[in-house]
Amino acid sequence: MIFKKSLKFIDNYIYKFCRKYVDIMPERFIKIIAFYHPDPYLRKQYYENLGVRMGENTLANLGLTVVRTGKSICLYIGDNVSIAPNVVFICKSEANNGKEINEIQYVKDVLTKEGIIIVEDDVWIGANATIMPGITIGKCSIVGAGSVVTIDIEPYSVYAGVPARKIRDLKEN
């Protein structure tokens, strides 16, 4: 019983420490806590330090990955957004370990991209979805699990597939 109480005390201490001292944490720790910590409110706080702005009542499941460069904000997520496990937001896409490939004109012009991603209010993003740079996901839309979003998502609609395509409208006329 004493061992269990000790573990609970240590867990509580670490949690409070993480909440209080996010600003002094090394970026490596911030990424680990944001990605793996079981408490969604603590993860949200840590994602704020990784260039992500999340609105009210928005929480991300475990495994949210944000691919970015620099310290600037690259992902805006609105209110009441549901993000399933293992969703990837790619704010910058490039062959960062390639030398010759980055000199190919097609790669420079078409494949290398960077842009802010905007997720509007009341969106539901399914598990293992990937959102590419510069995308806007419209209000009250759904992105199906496993989808790769390469185009803007219209409000009040469902998109799914690789690449994601419009499946249906959610508003009846």
N, C-alpha and C. Protein backbone atom coordinates (compact mmCIF):
# COMPACT_ATOMS: atom_id res chain seq x y z
N MET A 1 0.82 -1.19 0.00
CA MET A 1 0.00 0.00 0.00
C MET A 1 0.86 1.26 0.00
N ILE A 2 1.95 1.24 0.77
CA ILE A 2 2.84 2.40 0.81
C ILE A 2 3.47 2.63 -0.56
N PHE A 3 3.84 1.54 -1.23
CA PHE A 3 4.44 1.64 -2.56
C PHE A 3 3.47 2.30 -3.54
N LYS A 4 2.20 1.90 -3.47
CA LYS A 4 1.19 2.47 -4.36
C LYS A 4 1.01 3.96 -4.08
N LYS A 5 0.98 4.34 -2.81
CA LYS A 5 0.85 5.75 -2.45
C LYS A 5 2.07 6.54 -2.91
N SER A 6 3.24 5.94 -2.79
CA SER A 6 4.46 6.61 -3.24
C SER A 6 4.43 6.86 -4.74
N LEU A 7 3.99 5.86 -5.49
CA LEU A 7 3.89 6.01 -6.94
C LEU A 7 2.89 7.10 -7.32
N LYS A 8 1.77 7.12 -6.60
CA LYS A 8 0.76 8.14 -6.86
C LYS A 8 1.32 9.54 -6.56
N PHE A 9 2.06 9.66 -5.47
CA PHE A 9 2.69 10.93 -5.12
C PHE A 9 3.67 11.37 -6.21
N ILE A 10 4.50 10.45 -6.66
CA ILE A 10 5.48 10.76 -7.72
C ILE A 10 4.78 11.16 -9.01
N ASP A 11 3.74 10.42 -9.38
CA ASP A 11 2.97 10.73 -10.59
C ASP A 11 2.37 12.13 -10.49
N ASN A 12 1.77 12.45 -9.36
CA ASN A 12 1.17 13.76 -9.15
C ASN A 12 2.23 14.87 -9.20
N TYR A 13 3.38 14.62 -8.61
CA TYR A 13 4.46 15.60 -8.61
C TYR A 13 4.94 15.87 -10.04
N ILE A 14 5.16 14.81 -10.81
CA ILE A 14 5.62 14.95 -12.19
C ILE A 14 4.59 15.71 -13.02
N TYR A 15 3.31 15.37 -12.84
CA TYR A 15 2.24 16.05 -13.58
C TYR A 15 2.25 17.55 -13.29
N LYS A 16 2.31 17.91 -12.00
CA LYS A 16 2.31 19.33 -11.63
C LYS A 16 3.56 20.04 -12.16
N PHE A 17 4.68 19.35 -12.09
CA PHE A 17 5.93 19.92 -12.61
C PHE A 17 5.80 20.20 -14.11
N CYS A 18 5.27 19.23 -14.84
CA CYS A 18 5.09 19.39 -16.30
C CYS A 18 4.14 20.53 -16.63
N ARG A 19 3.06 20.68 -15.86
CA ARG A 19 2.10 21.77 -16.10
C ARG A 19 2.75 23.14 -15.85
N LYS A 20 3.56 23.20 -14.81
CA LYS A 20 4.10 24.49 -14.38
C LYS A 20 5.31 24.94 -15.20
N TYR A 21 6.14 24.00 -15.63
CA TYR A 21 7.42 24.37 -16.22
C TYR A 21 7.55 24.04 -17.71
N VAL A 22 6.46 24.11 -18.43
CA VAL A 22 6.50 23.82 -19.87
C VAL A 22 7.44 24.77 -20.60
N ASP A 23 7.54 26.00 -20.15
CA ASP A 23 8.36 27.00 -20.84
C ASP A 23 9.86 26.75 -20.74
N ILE A 24 10.29 25.97 -19.76
CA ILE A 24 11.73 25.71 -19.63
C ILE A 24 12.12 24.33 -20.13
N MET A 25 11.17 23.56 -20.57
CA MET A 25 11.46 22.20 -21.05
C MET A 25 12.21 22.25 -22.38
N PRO A 26 13.18 21.35 -22.55
CA PRO A 26 13.82 21.23 -23.87
C PRO A 26 12.79 20.75 -24.90
N GLU A 27 12.95 21.17 -26.15
CA GLU A 27 11.98 20.82 -27.19
C GLU A 27 11.79 19.30 -27.31
N ARG A 28 12.83 18.55 -27.12
CA ARG A 28 12.75 17.09 -27.19
C ARG A 28 11.74 16.57 -26.16
N PHE A 29 11.77 17.08 -24.94
CA PHE A 29 10.82 16.67 -23.90
C PHE A 29 9.41 17.12 -24.25
N ILE A 30 9.31 18.34 -24.77
CA ILE A 30 7.99 18.86 -25.15
C ILE A 30 7.34 17.94 -26.17
N LYS A 31 8.10 17.51 -27.18
CA LYS A 31 7.56 16.61 -28.20
C LYS A 31 7.13 15.28 -27.60
N ILE A 32 7.93 14.73 -26.72
CA ILE A 32 7.60 13.44 -26.10
C ILE A 32 6.33 13.55 -25.27
N ILE A 33 6.23 14.59 -24.46
CA ILE A 33 5.04 14.76 -23.61
C ILE A 33 3.81 15.02 -24.47
N ALA A 34 3.93 15.88 -25.49
CA ALA A 34 2.80 16.18 -26.37
C ALA A 34 2.31 14.93 -27.09
N PHE A 35 3.22 14.08 -27.48
CA PHE A 35 2.86 12.89 -28.27
C PHE A 35 2.33 11.74 -27.41
N TYR A 36 2.91 11.55 -26.21
CA TYR A 36 2.63 10.33 -25.45
C TYR A 36 1.86 10.49 -24.14
N HIS A 37 1.84 11.67 -23.55
CA HIS A 37 1.24 11.78 -22.22
C HIS A 37 -0.25 11.43 -22.28
N PRO A 38 -0.74 10.65 -21.32
CA PRO A 38 -2.14 10.22 -21.36
C PRO A 38 -3.16 11.33 -21.10
N ASP A 39 -2.75 12.44 -20.50
CA ASP A 39 -3.69 13.52 -20.19
C ASP A 39 -3.83 14.47 -21.38
N PRO A 40 -5.01 14.54 -22.01
CA PRO A 40 -5.17 15.38 -23.20
C PRO A 40 -5.00 16.87 -22.93
N TYR A 41 -5.29 17.33 -21.73
CA TYR A 41 -5.15 18.74 -21.41
C TYR A 41 -3.67 19.14 -21.31
N LEU A 42 -2.87 18.25 -20.76
CA LEU A 42 -1.43 18.50 -20.70
C LEU A 42 -0.83 18.45 -22.11
N ARG A 43 -1.26 17.49 -22.91
CA ARG A 43 -0.77 17.41 -24.30
C ARG A 43 -1.11 18.69 -25.05
N LYS A 44 -2.32 19.20 -24.86
CA LYS A 44 -2.74 20.45 -25.53
C LYS A 44 -1.82 21.59 -25.15
N GLN A 45 -1.50 21.71 -23.87
CA GLN A 45 -0.60 22.75 -23.40
C GLN A 45 0.77 22.63 -24.07
N TYR A 46 1.25 21.42 -24.23
CA TYR A 46 2.57 21.22 -24.83
C TYR A 46 2.55 21.44 -26.34
N TYR A 47 1.45 21.10 -27.00
CA TYR A 47 1.34 21.38 -28.44
C TYR A 47 1.39 22.88 -28.72
N GLU A 48 0.90 23.68 -27.79
CA GLU A 48 0.97 25.14 -27.94
C GLU A 48 2.42 25.59 -28.12
N ASN A 49 3.36 24.89 -27.50
CA ASN A 49 4.78 25.22 -27.62
C ASN A 49 5.41 24.64 -28.88
N LEU A 50 4.63 23.90 -29.65
CA LEU A 50 5.13 23.29 -30.89
C LEU A 50 4.47 23.89 -32.13
N GLY A 51 3.96 25.10 -32.03
CA GLY A 51 3.39 25.77 -33.19
C GLY A 51 1.97 25.39 -33.51
N VAL A 52 1.22 24.92 -32.51
CA VAL A 52 -0.17 24.51 -32.71
C VAL A 52 -1.06 25.37 -31.82
N ARG A 53 -2.13 25.90 -32.38
CA ARG A 53 -3.12 26.63 -31.60
C ARG A 53 -4.43 25.86 -31.66
N MET A 54 -4.92 25.43 -30.50
CA MET A 54 -6.16 24.66 -30.42
C MET A 54 -7.23 25.48 -29.73
N GLY A 55 -8.44 25.47 -30.28
CA GLY A 55 -9.55 26.21 -29.73
C GLY A 55 -10.17 25.53 -28.51
N GLU A 56 -11.25 26.14 -28.03
CA GLU A 56 -11.98 25.63 -26.88
C GLU A 56 -12.58 24.26 -27.18
N ASN A 57 -12.55 23.40 -26.18
CA ASN A 57 -13.17 22.08 -26.26
C ASN A 57 -12.59 21.23 -27.40
N THR A 58 -11.36 21.50 -27.76
CA THR A 58 -10.66 20.71 -28.77
C THR A 58 -9.55 19.94 -28.09
N LEU A 59 -9.57 18.64 -28.28
CA LEU A 59 -8.53 17.78 -27.72
C LEU A 59 -8.08 16.79 -28.78
N ALA A 60 -6.81 16.50 -28.77
CA ALA A 60 -6.25 15.55 -29.72
C ALA A 60 -5.95 14.24 -29.00
N ASN A 61 -6.24 13.14 -29.67
CA ASN A 61 -5.88 11.83 -29.14
C ASN A 61 -4.38 11.62 -29.22
N LEU A 62 -3.93 10.52 -28.65
CA LEU A 62 -2.51 10.19 -28.67
C LEU A 62 -1.99 10.09 -30.10
N GLY A 63 -0.74 10.45 -30.27
CA GLY A 63 -0.07 10.26 -31.55
C GLY A 63 -0.24 11.37 -32.55
N LEU A 64 -0.78 12.53 -32.15
CA LEU A 64 -0.87 13.66 -33.08
C LEU A 64 0.55 14.10 -33.43
N THR A 65 0.84 14.14 -34.73
CA THR A 65 2.17 14.53 -35.20
C THR A 65 2.04 15.80 -36.03
N VAL A 66 2.90 16.76 -35.75
CA VAL A 66 2.96 18.00 -36.53
C VAL A 66 4.37 18.11 -37.09
N VAL A 67 4.47 18.05 -38.42
CA VAL A 67 5.76 18.17 -39.10
C VAL A 67 5.93 19.63 -39.49
N ARG A 68 6.96 20.27 -38.96
CA ARG A 68 7.15 21.70 -39.20
C ARG A 68 8.62 22.04 -39.13
N THR A 69 8.93 23.25 -39.50
CA THR A 69 10.27 23.79 -39.31
C THR A 69 10.13 25.13 -38.60
N GLY A 70 11.11 25.45 -37.81
CA GLY A 70 11.06 26.73 -37.10
C GLY A 70 10.12 26.72 -35.92
N LYS A 71 9.94 27.88 -35.34
CA LYS A 71 9.14 28.02 -34.12
C LYS A 71 7.78 28.67 -34.36
N SER A 72 7.51 29.12 -35.57
CA SER A 72 6.26 29.85 -35.81
C SER A 72 5.06 28.91 -35.81
N ILE A 73 3.88 29.51 -35.62
CA ILE A 73 2.63 28.75 -35.61
C ILE A 73 2.34 28.28 -37.03
N CYS A 74 2.08 26.99 -37.18
CA CYS A 74 1.81 26.45 -38.52
C CYS A 74 0.48 25.71 -38.57
N LEU A 75 -0.21 25.58 -37.44
CA LEU A 75 -1.46 24.83 -37.40
C LEU A 75 -2.44 25.52 -36.46
N TYR A 76 -3.58 25.91 -37.02
CA TYR A 76 -4.66 26.51 -36.24
C TYR A 76 -5.83 25.54 -36.24
N ILE A 77 -6.27 25.15 -35.05
CA ILE A 77 -7.39 24.22 -34.91
C ILE A 77 -8.49 24.94 -34.15
N GLY A 78 -9.70 24.95 -34.71
CA GLY A 78 -10.82 25.67 -34.13
C GLY A 78 -11.41 25.01 -32.90
N ASP A 79 -12.61 25.46 -32.54
CA ASP A 79 -13.32 24.95 -31.37
C ASP A 79 -14.04 23.65 -31.70
N ASN A 80 -14.18 22.81 -30.68
CA ASN A 80 -14.98 21.58 -30.76
C ASN A 80 -14.52 20.64 -31.87
N VAL A 81 -13.22 20.54 -32.05
CA VAL A 81 -12.66 19.66 -33.07
C VAL A 81 -12.26 18.34 -32.43
N SER A 82 -12.59 17.24 -33.10
CA SER A 82 -12.24 15.90 -32.63
C SER A 82 -11.16 15.34 -33.54
N ILE A 83 -10.01 15.05 -32.95
CA ILE A 83 -8.88 14.50 -33.71
C ILE A 83 -8.59 13.10 -33.17
N ALA A 84 -8.78 12.10 -34.02
CA ALA A 84 -8.58 10.70 -33.64
C ALA A 84 -7.08 10.40 -33.50
N PRO A 85 -6.73 9.20 -33.03
CA PRO A 85 -5.31 8.85 -32.85
C PRO A 85 -4.52 8.86 -34.15
N ASN A 86 -3.25 9.21 -34.02
CA ASN A 86 -2.24 9.10 -35.07
C ASN A 86 -2.51 9.94 -36.32
N VAL A 87 -3.08 11.10 -36.13
CA VAL A 87 -3.29 12.03 -37.25
C VAL A 87 -1.98 12.81 -37.45
N VAL A 88 -1.63 13.05 -38.73
CA VAL A 88 -0.40 13.76 -39.07
C VAL A 88 -0.74 15.04 -39.83
N PHE A 89 -0.24 16.17 -39.34
CA PHE A 89 -0.36 17.45 -40.02
C PHE A 89 1.04 17.80 -40.54
N ILE A 90 1.18 17.90 -41.86
CA ILE A 90 2.48 18.21 -42.45
C ILE A 90 2.46 19.67 -42.90
N CYS A 91 3.12 20.53 -42.13
CA CYS A 91 3.17 21.95 -42.46
C CYS A 91 4.28 22.26 -43.45
N LYS A 92 5.27 21.39 -43.52
CA LYS A 92 6.34 21.55 -44.51
C LYS A 92 6.72 20.18 -45.03
N SER A 93 6.70 20.04 -46.36
CA SER A 93 7.01 18.78 -47.01
C SER A 93 8.19 18.97 -47.95
N GLU A 94 9.25 18.23 -47.70
CA GLU A 94 10.43 18.29 -48.57
C GLU A 94 11.27 17.04 -48.36
N ALA A 95 12.10 16.76 -49.34
CA ALA A 95 13.05 15.65 -49.21
C ALA A 95 14.26 16.18 -48.44
N ASN A 96 14.10 16.33 -47.13
CA ASN A 96 15.09 17.05 -46.34
C ASN A 96 16.43 16.34 -46.20
N ASN A 97 16.51 15.07 -46.53
CA ASN A 97 17.79 14.38 -46.47
C ASN A 97 18.38 14.18 -47.86
N GLY A 98 17.69 14.68 -48.89
CA GLY A 98 18.16 14.52 -50.26
C GLY A 98 18.97 15.72 -50.71
N LYS A 99 19.92 15.46 -51.57
CA LYS A 99 20.72 16.55 -52.12
C LYS A 99 20.35 16.74 -53.58
N GLU A 100 20.56 15.73 -54.39
CA GLU A 100 20.28 15.83 -55.81
C GLU A 100 18.78 15.92 -56.08
N ILE A 101 17.98 15.17 -55.32
CA ILE A 101 16.53 15.17 -55.56
C ILE A 101 15.92 16.55 -55.36
N ASN A 102 16.47 17.32 -54.44
CA ASN A 102 15.95 18.67 -54.20
C ASN A 102 16.27 19.65 -55.32
N GLU A 103 17.18 19.29 -56.21
CA GLU A 103 17.53 20.14 -57.35
C GLU A 103 16.65 19.87 -58.57
N ILE A 104 15.89 18.79 -58.55
CA ILE A 104 15.00 18.45 -59.67
C ILE A 104 13.85 19.45 -59.69
N GLN A 105 13.59 20.05 -60.84
CA GLN A 105 12.60 21.12 -60.96
C GLN A 105 11.21 20.67 -60.52
N TYR A 106 10.79 19.46 -60.90
CA TYR A 106 9.47 18.95 -60.51
C TYR A 106 9.35 18.87 -58.99
N VAL A 107 10.39 18.41 -58.35
CA VAL A 107 10.38 18.31 -56.88
C VAL A 107 10.28 19.70 -56.28
N LYS A 108 11.04 20.65 -56.80
CA LYS A 108 11.00 22.03 -56.30
C LYS A 108 9.62 22.66 -56.49
N ASP A 109 9.05 22.49 -57.68
CA ASP A 109 7.82 23.20 -58.04
C ASP A 109 6.55 22.54 -57.55
N VAL A 110 6.53 21.21 -57.49
CA VAL A 110 5.28 20.49 -57.22
C VAL A 110 5.28 19.78 -55.86
N LEU A 111 6.38 19.16 -55.50
CA LEU A 111 6.37 18.30 -54.31
C LEU A 111 6.82 19.00 -53.03
N THR A 112 7.69 19.98 -53.13
CA THR A 112 8.15 20.70 -51.95
C THR A 112 7.14 21.79 -51.63
N LYS A 113 6.51 21.67 -50.46
CA LYS A 113 5.45 22.61 -50.08
C LYS A 113 5.59 23.01 -48.62
N GLU A 114 5.10 24.20 -48.34
CA GLU A 114 5.05 24.69 -46.97
C GLU A 114 3.84 25.59 -46.85
N GLY A 115 3.08 25.46 -45.76
CA GLY A 115 1.93 26.32 -45.58
C GLY A 115 1.22 26.07 -44.27
N ILE A 116 0.53 27.09 -43.81
CA ILE A 116 -0.26 26.99 -42.58
C ILE A 116 -1.49 26.14 -42.84
N ILE A 117 -1.79 25.27 -41.91
CA ILE A 117 -2.99 24.42 -41.98
C ILE A 117 -4.03 25.01 -41.04
N ILE A 118 -5.26 25.12 -41.53
CA ILE A 118 -6.36 25.66 -40.72
C ILE A 118 -7.47 24.62 -40.65
N VAL A 119 -7.85 24.28 -39.43
CA VAL A 119 -8.97 23.37 -39.18
C VAL A 119 -10.05 24.22 -38.51
N GLU A 120 -11.16 24.41 -39.20
CA GLU A 120 -12.23 25.25 -38.66
C GLU A 120 -13.02 24.51 -37.58
N ASP A 121 -14.02 25.16 -37.00
CA ASP A 121 -14.78 24.62 -35.87
C ASP A 121 -15.58 23.37 -36.24
N ASP A 122 -15.79 22.52 -35.22
CA ASP A 122 -16.68 21.36 -35.30
C ASP A 122 -16.29 20.36 -36.38
N VAL A 123 -15.01 20.13 -36.53
CA VAL A 123 -14.50 19.17 -37.51
C VAL A 123 -14.17 17.86 -36.81
N TRP A 124 -14.33 16.75 -37.53
CA TRP A 124 -13.97 15.43 -37.03
C TRP A 124 -12.96 14.83 -38.00
N ILE A 125 -11.76 14.55 -37.49
CA ILE A 125 -10.70 13.96 -38.32
C ILE A 125 -10.46 12.54 -37.84
N GLY A 126 -10.62 11.57 -38.74
CA GLY A 126 -10.49 10.16 -38.41
C GLY A 126 -9.04 9.73 -38.20
N ALA A 127 -8.88 8.57 -37.59
CA ALA A 127 -7.57 8.02 -37.25
C ALA A 127 -6.69 7.87 -38.48
N ASN A 128 -5.40 8.12 -38.28
CA ASN A 128 -4.37 7.91 -39.30
C ASN A 128 -4.53 8.78 -40.54
N ALA A 129 -5.28 9.87 -40.44
CA ALA A 129 -5.40 10.79 -41.57
C ALA A 129 -4.12 11.63 -41.66
N THR A 130 -3.79 12.05 -42.87
CA THR A 130 -2.64 12.92 -43.11
C THR A 130 -3.12 14.17 -43.82
N ILE A 131 -2.76 15.33 -43.28
CA ILE A 131 -3.17 16.61 -43.84
C ILE A 131 -1.91 17.30 -44.37
N MET A 132 -1.91 17.65 -45.64
CA MET A 132 -0.75 18.24 -46.30
C MET A 132 -0.68 19.76 -46.09
N PRO A 133 0.45 20.40 -46.43
CA PRO A 133 0.65 21.83 -46.18
C PRO A 133 -0.39 22.72 -46.86
N GLY A 134 -0.75 23.81 -46.17
CA GLY A 134 -1.59 24.85 -46.75
C GLY A 134 -3.06 24.52 -46.88
N ILE A 135 -3.51 23.46 -46.25
CA ILE A 135 -4.90 22.99 -46.38
C ILE A 135 -5.80 23.71 -45.37
N THR A 136 -7.04 24.00 -45.79
CA THR A 136 -8.09 24.46 -44.89
C THR A 136 -9.17 23.40 -44.86
N ILE A 137 -9.53 22.98 -43.66
CA ILE A 137 -10.61 22.01 -43.47
C ILE A 137 -11.81 22.80 -42.96
N GLY A 138 -12.86 22.84 -43.78
CA GLY A 138 -14.03 23.67 -43.50
C GLY A 138 -14.85 23.23 -42.31
N LYS A 139 -15.63 24.16 -41.80
CA LYS A 139 -16.48 23.97 -40.63
C LYS A 139 -17.41 22.77 -40.80
N CYS A 140 -17.58 22.02 -39.71
CA CYS A 140 -18.51 20.88 -39.64
C CYS A 140 -18.26 19.84 -40.73
N SER A 141 -17.01 19.60 -41.04
CA SER A 141 -16.70 18.58 -42.03
C SER A 141 -16.08 17.36 -41.35
N ILE A 142 -16.03 16.27 -42.10
CA ILE A 142 -15.48 15.00 -41.61
C ILE A 142 -14.41 14.54 -42.58
N VAL A 143 -13.25 14.15 -42.03
CA VAL A 143 -12.19 13.55 -42.82
C VAL A 143 -12.11 12.09 -42.40
N GLY A 144 -12.31 11.18 -43.34
CA GLY A 144 -12.33 9.76 -43.04
C GLY A 144 -10.98 9.23 -42.58
N ALA A 145 -11.02 8.15 -41.82
CA ALA A 145 -9.81 7.52 -41.31
C ALA A 145 -8.92 7.09 -42.47
N GLY A 146 -7.62 7.32 -42.31
CA GLY A 146 -6.65 6.91 -43.30
C GLY A 146 -6.56 7.80 -44.53
N SER A 147 -7.31 8.88 -44.57
CA SER A 147 -7.32 9.77 -45.74
C SER A 147 -6.05 10.59 -45.82
N VAL A 148 -5.68 10.95 -47.05
CA VAL A 148 -4.59 11.89 -47.29
C VAL A 148 -5.20 13.12 -47.95
N VAL A 149 -5.22 14.23 -47.20
CA VAL A 149 -5.90 15.44 -47.66
C VAL A 149 -4.90 16.33 -48.39
N THR A 150 -5.13 16.49 -49.70
CA THR A 150 -4.25 17.30 -50.56
C THR A 150 -4.96 18.53 -51.12
N ILE A 151 -6.27 18.64 -50.87
CA ILE A 151 -7.07 19.78 -51.34
C ILE A 151 -7.88 20.31 -50.16
N ASP A 152 -8.32 21.57 -50.27
CA ASP A 152 -9.16 22.14 -49.21
C ASP A 152 -10.46 21.36 -49.09
N ILE A 153 -10.94 21.22 -47.85
CA ILE A 153 -12.17 20.50 -47.55
C ILE A 153 -13.30 21.51 -47.41
N GLU A 154 -14.37 21.31 -48.16
CA GLU A 154 -15.52 22.21 -48.09
C GLU A 154 -16.24 22.05 -46.75
N PRO A 155 -16.83 23.15 -46.24
CA PRO A 155 -17.63 23.05 -45.01
C PRO A 155 -18.81 22.09 -45.21
N TYR A 156 -19.23 21.46 -44.13
CA TYR A 156 -20.40 20.59 -44.11
C TYR A 156 -20.32 19.48 -45.16
N SER A 157 -19.18 18.80 -45.19
CA SER A 157 -19.01 17.73 -46.16
C SER A 157 -18.14 16.61 -45.59
N VAL A 158 -18.18 15.47 -46.25
CA VAL A 158 -17.38 14.31 -45.87
C VAL A 158 -16.38 14.03 -46.98
N TYR A 159 -15.11 13.89 -46.61
CA TYR A 159 -14.06 13.54 -47.55
C TYR A 159 -13.36 12.28 -47.03
N ALA A 160 -12.96 11.41 -47.96
CA ALA A 160 -12.24 10.20 -47.58
C ALA A 160 -11.43 9.70 -48.76
N GLY A 161 -10.44 8.88 -48.47
CA GLY A 161 -9.66 8.23 -49.51
C GLY A 161 -8.25 8.76 -49.63
N VAL A 162 -7.52 8.14 -50.58
CA VAL A 162 -6.14 8.52 -50.86
C VAL A 162 -6.01 8.75 -52.35
N PRO A 163 -5.96 9.97 -52.81
CA PRO A 163 -6.13 11.20 -52.04
C PRO A 163 -7.60 11.40 -51.65
N ALA A 164 -7.83 12.20 -50.64
CA ALA A 164 -9.20 12.43 -50.15
C ALA A 164 -10.05 13.10 -51.23
N ARG A 165 -11.25 12.58 -51.40
CA ARG A 165 -12.23 13.13 -52.34
C ARG A 165 -13.55 13.31 -51.61
N LYS A 166 -14.37 14.21 -52.11
CA LYS A 166 -15.67 14.47 -51.49
C LYS A 166 -16.58 13.26 -51.68
N ILE A 167 -17.15 12.80 -50.56
CA ILE A 167 -18.06 11.65 -50.56
C ILE A 167 -19.51 12.12 -50.54
N ARG A 168 -19.77 13.14 -49.72
CA ARG A 168 -21.15 13.64 -49.61
C ARG A 168 -21.20 14.98 -48.91
N ASP A 169 -22.35 15.65 -49.06
CA ASP A 169 -22.65 16.86 -48.31
C ASP A 169 -23.35 16.46 -47.02
N LEU A 170 -23.13 17.23 -45.98
CA LEU A 170 -23.79 16.96 -44.70
C LEU A 170 -25.03 17.82 -44.49
N LYS A 171 -25.15 18.91 -45.22
CA LYS A 171 -26.33 19.77 -45.11
C LYS A 171 -27.31 19.41 -46.20
N GLU A 172 -28.55 19.24 -45.81
CA GLU A 172 -29.60 18.98 -46.80
C GLU A 172 -30.13 20.30 -47.32
N ASN A 173 -30.39 20.36 -48.61
CA ASN A 173 -30.90 21.61 -49.22
C ASN A 173 -32.38 21.75 -49.03
